[in-house]
Amino acid sequence: KDKWNWGLTKSSAFEKYLQDSKGWVLSGKIDFIVPMVYWTIGGKPDFEVLVKDYADTLNKNKVVIGMSTTNFSKEESQKQITMVEELKLRGYSLFSYETARKLWEK
């Protein structure tokens, strides 16, 4: 849900597709979710706000953050990884390997 009034109109999983991933986790229908949070820290939408919302509203072991490395710098990606680790979420999943490998190359 766009509870921060960012004006997201392209796709709303909850309203348009009736996807209630948080509700499914809370009800025990699924074991964990991998929300695709493909934005930057401080952007609009804001990666930090969205990730902290998942961390605050669900069991942290039930959340794996899907992150894009496709259009972001190595520094941005590393900040996002650090944030997810500090929040002690279950983990993160990077898309895609082709661009994520820059995180480990010198």
PDB file of N, CA and C in Angstrom:
ATOM      1  N   LYS A   1       0.839  -1.190   0.000  1.00  0.00           N
ATOM      2  CA  LYS A   1       0.000   0.000   0.000  1.00  0.00           C
ATOM      3  C   LYS A   1       0.878   1.245   0.000  1.00  0.00           C
ATOM      4  N   ASP A   2       0.424   2.266  -0.677  1.00  0.00           N
ATOM      5  CA  ASP A   2       1.143   3.538  -0.725  1.00  0.00           C
ATOM      6  C   ASP A   2       0.668   4.414   0.434  1.00  0.00           C
ATOM      7  N   LYS A   3       0.989   4.006   1.656  1.00  0.00           N
ATOM      8  CA  LYS A   3       0.529   4.762   2.822  1.00  0.00           C
ATOM      9  C   LYS A   3       1.343   6.024   3.058  1.00  0.00           C
ATOM     10  N   TRP A   4       2.378   6.260   2.235  1.00  0.00           N
ATOM     11  CA  TRP A   4       3.192   7.466   2.372  1.00  0.00           C
ATOM     12  C   TRP A   4       2.828   8.510   1.314  1.00  0.00           C
ATOM     13  N   ASN A   5       1.822   8.215   0.487  1.00  0.00           N
ATOM     14  CA  ASN A   5       1.347   9.131  -0.554  1.00  0.00           C
ATOM     15  C   ASN A   5       2.435   9.527  -1.545  1.00  0.00           C
ATOM     16  N   TRP A   6       3.184   8.539  -2.007  1.00  0.00           N
ATOM     17  CA  TRP A   6       4.207   8.791  -3.013  1.00  0.00           C
ATOM     18  C   TRP A   6       3.596   8.918  -4.402  1.00  0.00           C
ATOM     19  N   GLY A   7       2.350   8.551  -4.555  1.00  0.00           N
ATOM     20  CA  GLY A   7       1.688   8.672  -5.850  1.00  0.00           C
ATOM     21  C   GLY A   7       2.033   7.560  -6.816  1.00  0.00           C
ATOM     22  N   LEU A   8       2.239   6.369  -6.302  1.00  0.00           N
ATOM     23  CA  LEU A   8       2.555   5.229  -7.166  1.00  0.00           C
ATOM     24  C   LEU A   8       1.302   4.803  -7.918  1.00  0.00           C
ATOM     25  N   THR A   9       1.348   4.907  -9.228  1.00  0.00           N
ATOM     26  CA  THR A   9       0.161   4.566 -10.022  1.00  0.00           C
ATOM     27  C   THR A   9       0.404   3.427 -10.996  1.00  0.00           C
ATOM     28  N   LYS A  10       1.665   3.089 -11.286  1.00  0.00           N
ATOM     29  CA  LYS A  10       1.961   2.046 -12.267  1.00  0.00           C
ATOM     30  C   LYS A  10       1.471   0.681 -11.807  1.00  0.00           C
ATOM     31  N   SER A  11       1.733   0.357 -10.553  1.00  0.00           N
ATOM     32  CA  SER A  11       1.366  -0.961 -10.070  1.00  0.00           C
ATOM     33  C   SER A  11       1.176  -0.902  -8.567  1.00  0.00           C
ATOM     34  N   SER A  12       0.064  -1.363  -8.127  1.00  0.00           N
ATOM     35  CA  SER A  12      -0.193  -1.472  -6.700  1.00  0.00           C
ATOM     36  C   SER A  12      -0.600  -2.909  -6.431  1.00  0.00           C
ATOM     37  N   ALA A  13       0.345  -3.666  -5.906  1.00  0.00           N
ATOM     38  CA  ALA A  13       0.093  -5.091  -5.688  1.00  0.00           C
ATOM     39  C   ALA A  13      -1.137  -5.311  -4.831  1.00  0.00           C
ATOM     40  N   PHE A  14      -1.316  -4.486  -3.815  1.00  0.00           N
ATOM     41  CA  PHE A  14      -2.432  -4.682  -2.896  1.00  0.00           C
ATOM     42  C   PHE A  14      -3.767  -4.317  -3.549  1.00  0.00           C
ATOM     43  N   GLU A  15      -3.874  -3.100  -4.077  1.00  0.00           N
ATOM     44  CA  GLU A  15      -5.149  -2.642  -4.639  1.00  0.00           C
ATOM     45  C   GLU A  15      -5.459  -3.245  -6.009  1.00  0.00           C
ATOM     46  N   LYS A  16      -4.459  -3.298  -6.883  1.00  0.00           N
ATOM     47  CA  LYS A  16      -4.705  -3.726  -8.257  1.00  0.00           C
ATOM     48  C   LYS A  16      -4.743  -5.246  -8.418  1.00  0.00           C
ATOM     49  N   TYR A  17      -3.873  -5.946  -7.690  1.00  0.00           N
ATOM     50  CA  TYR A  17      -3.763  -7.393  -7.879  1.00  0.00           C
ATOM     51  C   TYR A  17      -4.197  -8.207  -6.661  1.00  0.00           C
ATOM     52  N   LEU A  18      -4.674  -7.522  -5.625  1.00  0.00           N
ATOM     53  CA  LEU A  18      -5.170  -8.159  -4.401  1.00  0.00           C
ATOM     54  C   LEU A  18      -4.103  -9.025  -3.722  1.00  0.00           C
ATOM     55  N   GLN A  19      -2.857  -8.587  -3.819  1.00  0.00           N
ATOM     56  CA  GLN A  19      -1.759  -9.292  -3.169  1.00  0.00           C
ATOM     57  C   GLN A  19      -1.530  -8.691  -1.782  1.00  0.00           C
ATOM     58  N   ASP A  20      -1.786  -9.472  -0.765  1.00  0.00           N
ATOM     59  CA  ASP A  20      -1.600  -9.022   0.610  1.00  0.00           C
ATOM     60  C   ASP A  20      -0.481  -9.845   1.247  1.00  0.00           C
ATOM     61  N   SER A  21       0.740  -9.594   0.811  1.00  0.00           N
ATOM     62  CA  SER A  21       1.867 -10.426   1.252  1.00  0.00           C
ATOM     63  C   SER A  21       2.054 -10.380   2.767  1.00  0.00           C
ATOM     64  N   LYS A  22       1.894  -9.225   3.362  1.00  0.00           N
ATOM     65  CA  LYS A  22       2.024  -9.143   4.823  1.00  0.00           C
ATOM     66  C   LYS A  22       0.930  -9.965   5.505  1.00  0.00           C
ATOM     67  N   GLY A  23      -0.276  -9.850   5.014  1.00  0.00           N
ATOM     68  CA  GLY A  23      -1.379 -10.619   5.572  1.00  0.00           C
ATOM     69  C   GLY A  23      -1.160 -12.111   5.433  1.00  0.00           C
ATOM     70  N   TRP A  24      -0.605 -12.536   4.305  1.00  0.00           N
ATOM     71  CA  TRP A  24      -0.342 -13.950   4.084  1.00  0.00           C
ATOM     72  C   TRP A  24       0.700 -14.479   5.070  1.00  0.00           C
ATOM     73  N   VAL A  25       1.733 -13.667   5.320  1.00  0.00           N
ATOM     74  CA  VAL A  25       2.755 -14.087   6.291  1.00  0.00           C
ATOM     75  C   VAL A  25       2.157 -14.131   7.690  1.00  0.00           C
ATOM     76  N   LEU A  26       1.428 -13.089   8.060  1.00  0.00           N
ATOM     77  CA  LEU A  26       0.852 -13.017   9.412  1.00  0.00           C
ATOM     78  C   LEU A  26      -0.140 -14.148   9.676  1.00  0.00           C
ATOM     79  N   SER A  27      -0.846 -14.574   8.632  1.00  0.00           N
ATOM     80  CA  SER A  27      -1.831 -15.648   8.798  1.00  0.00           C
ATOM     81  C   SER A  27      -1.202 -17.039   8.713  1.00  0.00           C
ATOM     82  N   GLY A  28       0.075 -17.109   8.356  1.00  0.00           N
ATOM     83  CA  GLY A  28       0.757 -18.389   8.240  1.00  0.00           C
ATOM     84  C   GLY A  28       0.543 -19.085   6.906  1.00  0.00           C
ATOM     85  N   LYS A  29      -0.077 -18.395   5.943  1.00  0.00           N
ATOM     86  CA  LYS A  29      -0.321 -19.000   4.631  1.00  0.00           C
ATOM     87  C   LYS A  29       0.980 -19.199   3.843  1.00  0.00           C
ATOM     88  N   ILE A  30       1.963 -18.335   4.075  1.00  0.00           N
ATOM     89  CA  ILE A  30       3.276 -18.493   3.450  1.00  0.00           C
ATOM     90  C   ILE A  30       4.349 -18.342   4.525  1.00  0.00           C
ATOM     91  N   ASP A  31       5.508 -18.918   4.262  1.00  0.00           N
ATOM     92  CA  ASP A  31       6.576 -18.938   5.262  1.00  0.00           C
ATOM     93  C   ASP A  31       7.385 -17.651   5.316  1.00  0.00           C
ATOM     94  N   PHE A  32       7.629 -17.040   4.172  1.00  0.00           N
ATOM     95  CA  PHE A  32       8.358 -15.773   4.132  1.00  0.00           C
ATOM     96  C   PHE A  32       8.074 -15.073   2.810  1.00  0.00           C
ATOM     97  N   ILE A  33       8.432 -13.794   2.743  1.00  0.00           N
ATOM     98  CA  ILE A  33       8.226 -13.027   1.518  1.00  0.00           C
ATOM     99  C   ILE A  33       9.552 -12.436   1.056  1.00  0.00           C
ATOM    100  N   VAL A  34       9.599 -12.123  -0.224  1.00  0.00           N
ATOM    101  CA  VAL A  34      10.753 -11.462  -0.819  1.00  0.00           C
ATOM    102  C   VAL A  34      10.228 -10.216  -1.548  1.00  0.00           C
ATOM    103  N   PRO A  35       9.933  -9.140  -0.793  1.00  0.00           N
ATOM    104  CA  PRO A  35       9.442  -7.937  -1.465  1.00  0.00           C
ATOM    105  C   PRO A  35      10.547  -7.329  -2.336  1.00  0.00           C
ATOM    106  N   MET A  36      10.196  -6.967  -3.556  1.00  0.00           N
ATOM    107  CA  MET A  36      11.159  -6.374  -4.481  1.00  0.00           C
ATOM    108  C   MET A  36      11.210  -4.865  -4.220  1.00  0.00           C
ATOM    109  N   VAL A  37      12.216  -4.464  -3.468  1.00  0.00           N
ATOM    110  CA  VAL A  37      12.372  -3.057  -3.090  1.00  0.00           C
ATOM    111  C   VAL A  37      13.474  -2.480  -3.975  1.00  0.00           C
ATOM    112  N   TYR A  38      13.079  -2.101  -5.188  1.00  0.00           N
ATOM    113  CA  TYR A  38      14.037  -1.703  -6.222  1.00  0.00           C
ATOM    114  C   TYR A  38      14.194  -0.178  -6.312  1.00  0.00           C
ATOM    115  N   TRP A  39      14.384   0.484  -5.180  1.00  0.00           N
ATOM    116  CA  TRP A  39      14.572   1.931  -5.144  1.00  0.00           C
ATOM    117  C   TRP A  39      15.804   2.276  -4.320  1.00  0.00           C
ATOM    118  N   THR A  40      16.186   3.526  -4.311  1.00  0.00           N
ATOM    119  CA  THR A  40      17.377   3.959  -3.579  1.00  0.00           C
ATOM    120  C   THR A  40      17.030   4.463  -2.182  1.00  0.00           C
ATOM    121  N   ILE A  41      18.039   4.502  -1.336  1.00  0.00           N
ATOM    122  CA  ILE A  41      17.895   5.104  -0.005  1.00  0.00           C
ATOM    123  C   ILE A  41      17.722   6.602  -0.213  1.00  0.00           C
ATOM    124  N   GLY A  42      16.675   7.157   0.366  1.00  0.00           N
ATOM    125  CA  GLY A  42      16.393   8.582   0.224  1.00  0.00           C
ATOM    126  C   GLY A  42      15.605   8.934  -1.019  1.00  0.00           C
ATOM    127  N   GLY A  43      15.333   7.948  -1.863  1.00  0.00           N
ATOM    128  CA  GLY A  43      14.576   8.201  -3.090  1.00  0.00           C
ATOM    129  C   GLY A  43      13.090   8.251  -2.805  1.00  0.00           C
ATOM    130  N   LYS A  44      12.322   8.289  -3.863  1.00  0.00           N
ATOM    131  CA  LYS A  44      10.870   8.303  -3.739  1.00  0.00           C
ATOM    132  C   LYS A  44      10.312   7.324  -4.751  1.00  0.00           C
ATOM    133  N   PRO A  45       9.885   6.160  -4.338  1.00  0.00           N
ATOM    134  CA  PRO A  45       9.813   5.631  -2.982  1.00  0.00           C
ATOM    135  C   PRO A  45      11.200   5.454  -2.369  1.00  0.00           C
ATOM    136  N   ASP A  46      11.241   5.395  -1.066  1.00  0.00           N
ATOM    137  CA  ASP A  46      12.485   5.326  -0.304  1.00  0.00           C
ATOM    138  C   ASP A  46      12.751   3.898   0.169  1.00  0.00           C
ATOM    139  N   PHE A  47      13.866   3.347  -0.283  1.00  0.00           N
ATOM    140  CA  PHE A  47      14.263   1.996   0.107  1.00  0.00           C
ATOM    141  C   PHE A  47      14.228   1.832   1.629  1.00  0.00           C
ATOM    142  N   GLU A  48      14.807   2.780   2.344  1.00  0.00           N
ATOM    143  CA  GLU A  48      14.895   2.676   3.806  1.00  0.00           C
ATOM    144  C   GLU A  48      13.521   2.628   4.462  1.00  0.00           C
ATOM    145  N   VAL A  49      12.615   3.490   4.054  1.00  0.00           N
ATOM    146  CA  VAL A  49      11.267   3.520   4.629  1.00  0.00           C
ATOM    147  C   VAL A  49      10.558   2.191   4.398  1.00  0.00           C
ATOM    148  N   LEU A  50      10.635   1.681   3.180  1.00  0.00           N
ATOM    149  CA  LEU A  50       9.949   0.428   2.858  1.00  0.00           C
ATOM    150  C   LEU A  50      10.534  -0.758   3.620  1.00  0.00           C
ATOM    151  N   VAL A  51      11.852  -0.857   3.665  1.00  0.00           N
ATOM    152  CA  VAL A  51      12.495  -1.984   4.352  1.00  0.00           C
ATOM    153  C   VAL A  51      12.194  -1.930   5.849  1.00  0.00           C
ATOM    154  N   LYS A  52      12.265  -0.734   6.436  1.00  0.00           N
ATOM    155  CA  LYS A  52      11.964  -0.617   7.869  1.00  0.00           C
ATOM    156  C   LYS A  52      10.501  -0.938   8.153  1.00  0.00           C
ATOM    157  N   ASP A  53       9.610  -0.641   7.221  1.00  0.00           N
ATOM    158  CA  ASP A  53       8.201  -0.992   7.401  1.00  0.00           C
ATOM    159  C   ASP A  53       8.041  -2.505   7.474  1.00  0.00           C
ATOM    160  N   TYR A  54       8.701  -3.237   6.599  1.00  0.00           N
ATOM    161  CA  TYR A  54       8.641  -4.701   6.670  1.00  0.00           C
ATOM    162  C   TYR A  54       9.253  -5.203   7.973  1.00  0.00           C
ATOM    163  N   ALA A  55      10.382  -4.609   8.379  1.00  0.00           N
ATOM    164  CA  ALA A  55      11.056  -5.037   9.609  1.00  0.00           C
ATOM    165  C   ALA A  55      10.202  -4.766  10.845  1.00  0.00           C
ATOM    166  N   ASP A  56       9.455  -3.676  10.821  1.00  0.00           N
ATOM    167  CA  ASP A  56       8.642  -3.284  11.978  1.00  0.00           C
ATOM    168  C   ASP A  56       7.308  -4.017  12.065  1.00  0.00           C
ATOM    169  N   THR A  57       6.803  -4.522  10.932  1.00  0.00           N
ATOM    170  CA  THR A  57       5.459  -5.098  10.934  1.00  0.00           C
ATOM    171  C   THR A  57       5.418  -6.619  10.829  1.00  0.00           C
ATOM    172  N   LEU A  58       6.555  -7.232  10.526  1.00  0.00           N
ATOM    173  CA  LEU A  58       6.597  -8.693  10.396  1.00  0.00           C
ATOM    174  C   LEU A  58       7.737  -9.276  11.224  1.00  0.00           C
ATOM    175  N   ASN A  59       7.640 -10.558  11.505  1.00  0.00           N
ATOM    176  CA  ASN A  59       8.742 -11.277  12.109  1.00  0.00           C
ATOM    177  C   ASN A  59       9.933 -11.146  11.156  1.00  0.00           C
ATOM    178  N   LYS A  60      11.058 -10.674  11.653  1.00  0.00           N
ATOM    179  CA  LYS A  60      12.209 -10.396  10.792  1.00  0.00           C
ATOM    180  C   LYS A  60      12.730 -11.632  10.076  1.00  0.00           C
ATOM    181  N   ASN A  61      12.480 -12.797  10.625  1.00  0.00           N
ATOM    182  CA  ASN A  61      12.908 -14.034   9.983  1.00  0.00           C
ATOM    183  C   ASN A  61      12.017 -14.401   8.795  1.00  0.00           C
ATOM    184  N   LYS A  62      10.952 -13.643   8.595  1.00  0.00           N
ATOM    185  CA  LYS A  62      10.006 -13.922   7.509  1.00  0.00           C
ATOM    186  C   LYS A  62      10.215 -13.007   6.297  1.00  0.00           C
ATOM    187  N   VAL A  63      11.294 -12.180   6.320  1.00  0.00           N
ATOM    188  CA  VAL A  63      11.484 -11.184   5.257  1.00  0.00           C
ATOM    189  C   VAL A  63      12.878 -11.291   4.636  1.00  0.00           C
ATOM    190  N   VAL A  64      12.899 -11.534   3.322  1.00  0.00           N
ATOM    191  CA  VAL A  64      14.118 -11.486   2.516  1.00  0.00           C
ATOM    192  C   VAL A  64      13.911 -10.326   1.544  1.00  0.00           C
ATOM    193  N   ILE A  65      14.730  -9.307   1.622  1.00  0.00           N
ATOM    194  CA  ILE A  65      14.539  -8.128   0.769  1.00  0.00           C
ATOM    195  C   ILE A  65      15.126  -8.375  -0.622  1.00  0.00           C
ATOM    196  N   GLY A  66      14.289  -8.212  -1.644  1.00  0.00           N
ATOM    197  CA  GLY A  66      14.740  -8.274  -3.027  1.00  0.00           C
ATOM    198  C   GLY A  66      15.299  -6.917  -3.409  1.00  0.00           C
ATOM    199  N   MET A  67      16.557  -6.893  -3.853  1.00  0.00           N
ATOM    200  CA  MET A  67      17.238  -5.639  -4.165  1.00  0.00           C
ATOM    201  C   MET A  67      17.750  -5.648  -5.598  1.00  0.00           C
ATOM    202  N   SER A  68      17.651  -4.508  -6.253  1.00  0.00           N
ATOM    203  CA  SER A  68      18.191  -4.377  -7.604  1.00  0.00           C
ATOM    204  C   SER A  68      19.582  -3.773  -7.535  1.00  0.00           C
ATOM    205  N   THR A  69      20.500  -4.343  -8.297  1.00  0.00           N
ATOM    206  CA  THR A  69      21.819  -3.736  -8.453  1.00  0.00           C
ATOM    207  C   THR A  69      21.998  -3.240  -9.883  1.00  0.00           C
ATOM    208  N   THR A  70      20.954  -3.363 -10.675  1.00  0.00           N
ATOM    209  CA  THR A  70      21.044  -3.069 -12.103  1.00  0.00           C
ATOM    210  C   THR A  70      21.362  -1.609 -12.401  1.00  0.00           C
ATOM    211  N   ASN A  71      20.700  -0.685 -11.751  1.00  0.00           N
ATOM    212  CA  ASN A  71      20.885   0.730 -12.067  1.00  0.00           C
ATOM    213  C   ASN A  71      21.530   1.527 -10.938  1.00  0.00           C
ATOM    214  N   PHE A  72      22.062   0.832  -9.951  1.00  0.00           N
ATOM    215  CA  PHE A  72      22.613   1.534  -8.792  1.00  0.00           C
ATOM    216  C   PHE A  72      24.118   1.350  -8.705  1.00  0.00           C
ATOM    217  N   SER A  73      24.760   2.310  -8.049  1.00  0.00           N
ATOM    218  CA  SER A  73      26.208   2.230  -7.861  1.00  0.00           C
ATOM    219  C   SER A  73      26.562   1.147  -6.856  1.00  0.00           C
ATOM    220  N   LYS A  74      27.816   0.770  -6.874  1.00  0.00           N
ATOM    221  CA  LYS A  74      28.330  -0.197  -5.895  1.00  0.00           C
ATOM    222  C   LYS A  74      28.104   0.339  -4.483  1.00  0.00           C
ATOM    223  N   GLU A  75      28.321   1.628  -4.287  1.00  0.00           N
ATOM    224  CA  GLU A  75      28.164   2.241  -2.965  1.00  0.00           C
ATOM    225  C   GLU A  75      26.712   2.180  -2.483  1.00  0.00           C
ATOM    226  N   GLU A  76      25.767   2.465  -3.370  1.00  0.00           N
ATOM    227  CA  GLU A  76      24.351   2.398  -3.005  1.00  0.00           C
ATOM    228  C   GLU A  76      23.969   0.970  -2.630  1.00  0.00           C
ATOM    229  N   SER A  77      24.405   0.029  -3.438  1.00  0.00           N
ATOM    230  CA  SER A  77      24.090  -1.374  -3.160  1.00  0.00           C
ATOM    231  C   SER A  77      24.682  -1.816  -1.825  1.00  0.00           C
ATOM    232  N   GLN A  78      25.898  -1.404  -1.536  1.00  0.00           N
ATOM    233  CA  GLN A  78      26.531  -1.779  -0.277  1.00  0.00           C
ATOM    234  C   GLN A  78      25.813  -1.139   0.921  1.00  0.00           C
ATOM    235  N   LYS A  79      25.349   0.096   0.771  1.00  0.00           N
ATOM    236  CA  LYS A  79      24.578   0.736   1.852  1.00  0.00           C
ATOM    237  C   LYS A  79      23.289  -0.032   2.124  1.00  0.00           C
ATOM    238  N   GLN A  80      22.624  -0.464   1.054  1.00  0.00           N
ATOM    239  CA  GLN A  80      21.379  -1.213   1.207  1.00  0.00           C
ATOM    240  C   GLN A  80      21.623  -2.554   1.890  1.00  0.00           C
ATOM    241  N   ILE A  81      22.680  -3.251   1.493  1.00  0.00           N
ATOM    242  CA  ILE A  81      23.016  -4.530   2.120  1.00  0.00           C
ATOM    243  C   ILE A  81      23.292  -4.324   3.603  1.00  0.00           C
ATOM    244  N   THR A  82      24.060  -3.308   3.927  1.00  0.00           N
ATOM    245  CA  THR A  82      24.372  -3.013   5.328  1.00  0.00           C
ATOM    246  C   THR A  82      23.104  -2.736   6.121  1.00  0.00           C
ATOM    247  N   MET A  83      22.188  -1.986   5.543  1.00  0.00           N
ATOM    248  CA  MET A  83      20.935  -1.666   6.228  1.00  0.00           C
ATOM    249  C   MET A  83      20.138  -2.938   6.533  1.00  0.00           C
ATOM    250  N   VAL A  84      20.007  -3.808   5.542  1.00  0.00           N
ATOM    251  CA  VAL A  84      19.267  -5.053   5.737  1.00  0.00           C
ATOM    252  C   VAL A  84      19.935  -5.900   6.822  1.00  0.00           C
ATOM    253  N   GLU A  85      21.251  -5.970   6.797  1.00  0.00           N
ATOM    254  CA  GLU A  85      21.973  -6.741   7.813  1.00  0.00           C
ATOM    255  C   GLU A  85      21.793  -6.144   9.205  1.00  0.00           C
ATOM    256  N   GLU A  86      21.840  -4.823   9.316  1.00  0.00           N
ATOM    257  CA  GLU A  86      21.678  -4.164  10.619  1.00  0.00           C
ATOM    258  C   GLU A  86      20.269  -4.355  11.182  1.00  0.00           C
ATOM    259  N   LEU A  87      19.280  -4.451  10.301  1.00  0.00           N
ATOM    260  CA  LEU A  87      17.906  -4.675  10.750  1.00  0.00           C
ATOM    261  C   LEU A  87      17.658  -6.134  11.123  1.00  0.00           C
ATOM    262  N   LYS A  88      18.638  -6.984  10.840  1.00  0.00           N
ATOM    263  CA  LYS A  88      18.581  -8.407  11.190  1.00  0.00           C
ATOM    264  C   LYS A  88      17.405  -9.133  10.526  1.00  0.00           C
ATOM    265  N   LEU A  89      17.149  -8.743   9.272  1.00  0.00           N
ATOM    266  CA  LEU A  89      16.148  -9.464   8.498  1.00  0.00           C
ATOM    267  C   LEU A  89      16.735 -10.799   8.061  1.00  0.00           C
ATOM    268  N   ARG A  90      15.900 -11.671   7.552  1.00  0.00           N
ATOM    269  CA  ARG A  90      16.351 -13.014   7.152  1.00  0.00           C
ATOM    270  C   ARG A  90      17.472 -12.939   6.122  1.00  0.00           C
ATOM    271  N   GLY A  91      17.419 -11.942   5.261  1.00  0.00           N
ATOM    272  CA  GLY A  91      18.469 -11.791   4.265  1.00  0.00           C
ATOM    273  C   GLY A  91      18.050 -10.899   3.122  1.00  0.00           C
ATOM    274  N   TYR A  92      18.788 -11.005   2.032  1.00  0.00           N
ATOM    275  CA  TYR A  92      18.506 -10.227   0.839  1.00  0.00           C
ATOM    276  C   TYR A  92      18.780 -11.082  -0.385  1.00  0.00           C
ATOM    277  N   SER A  93      18.144 -10.700  -1.481  1.00  0.00           N
ATOM    278  CA  SER A  93      18.312 -11.380  -2.760  1.00  0.00           C
ATOM    279  C   SER A  93      18.626 -10.310  -3.797  1.00  0.00           C
ATOM    280  N   LEU A  94      19.746 -10.470  -4.499  1.00  0.00           N
ATOM    281  CA  LEU A  94      20.189  -9.452  -5.445  1.00  0.00           C
ATOM    282  C   LEU A  94      19.797  -9.800  -6.878  1.00  0.00           C
ATOM    283  N   PHE A  95      19.342  -8.796  -7.623  1.00  0.00           N
ATOM    284  CA  PHE A  95      19.040  -8.950  -9.029  1.00  0.00           C
ATOM    285  C   PHE A  95      19.866  -7.908  -9.786  1.00  0.00           C
ATOM    286  N   SER A  96      20.596  -8.221 -10.632  1.00  0.00           N
ATOM    287  CA  SER A  96      20.868  -9.534 -11.188  1.00  0.00           C
ATOM    288  C   SER A  96      22.331  -9.885 -10.963  1.00  0.00           C
ATOM    289  N   TYR A  97      22.695 -11.129 -11.198  1.00  0.00           N
ATOM    290  CA  TYR A  97      24.086 -11.538 -11.000  1.00  0.00           C
ATOM    291  C   TYR A  97      25.025 -10.699 -11.853  1.00  0.00           C
ATOM    292  N   GLU A  98      24.641 -10.469 -13.080  1.00  0.00           N
ATOM    293  CA  GLU A  98      25.508  -9.730 -14.001  1.00  0.00           C
ATOM    294  C   GLU A  98      25.935  -8.384 -13.425  1.00  0.00           C
ATOM    295  N   THR A  99      25.032  -7.687 -12.773  1.00  0.00           N
ATOM    296  CA  THR A  99      25.391  -6.392 -12.196  1.00  0.00           C
ATOM    297  C   THR A  99      25.788  -6.509 -10.721  1.00  0.00           C
ATOM    298  N   ALA A 100      25.307  -7.516 -10.020  1.00  0.00           N
ATOM    299  CA  ALA A 100      25.648  -7.661  -8.597  1.00  0.00           C
ATOM    300  C   ALA A 100      27.091  -8.081  -8.392  1.00  0.00           C
ATOM    301  N   ARG A 101      27.665  -8.761  -9.362  1.00  0.00           N
ATOM    302  CA  ARG A 101      29.050  -9.214  -9.177  1.00  0.00           C
ATOM    303  C   ARG A 101      30.024  -8.072  -8.976  1.00  0.00           C
ATOM    304  N   LYS A 102      29.654  -6.846  -9.368  1.00  0.00           N
ATOM    305  CA  LYS A 102      30.516  -5.682  -9.170  1.00  0.00           C
ATOM    306  C   LYS A 102      30.771  -5.434  -7.681  1.00  0.00           C
ATOM    307  N   LEU A 103      29.883  -5.961  -6.838  1.00  0.00           N
ATOM    308  CA  LEU A 103      30.051  -5.770  -5.397  1.00  0.00           C
ATOM    309  C   LEU A 103      31.257  -6.523  -4.868  1.00  0.00           C
ATOM    310  N   TRP A 104      31.657  -7.590  -5.572  1.00  0.00           N
ATOM    311  CA  TRP A 104      32.761  -8.419  -5.099  1.00  0.00           C
ATOM    312  C   TRP A 104      34.020  -8.296  -5.930  1.00  0.00           C
ATOM    313  N   GLU A 105      33.911  -7.609  -7.056  1.00  0.00           N
ATOM    314  CA  GLU A 105      35.096  -7.405  -7.889  1.00  0.00           C
ATOM    315  C   GLU A 105      35.862  -6.185  -7.430  1.00  0.00           C
ATOM    316  N   LYS A 106      37.157  -6.201  -7.612  1.00  0.00           N
ATOM    317  CA  LYS A 106      37.994  -5.053  -7.213  1.00  0.00           C
ATOM    318  C   LYS A 106      38.024  -4.019  -8.299  1.00  0.00           C
TER     319      LYS A 106
END
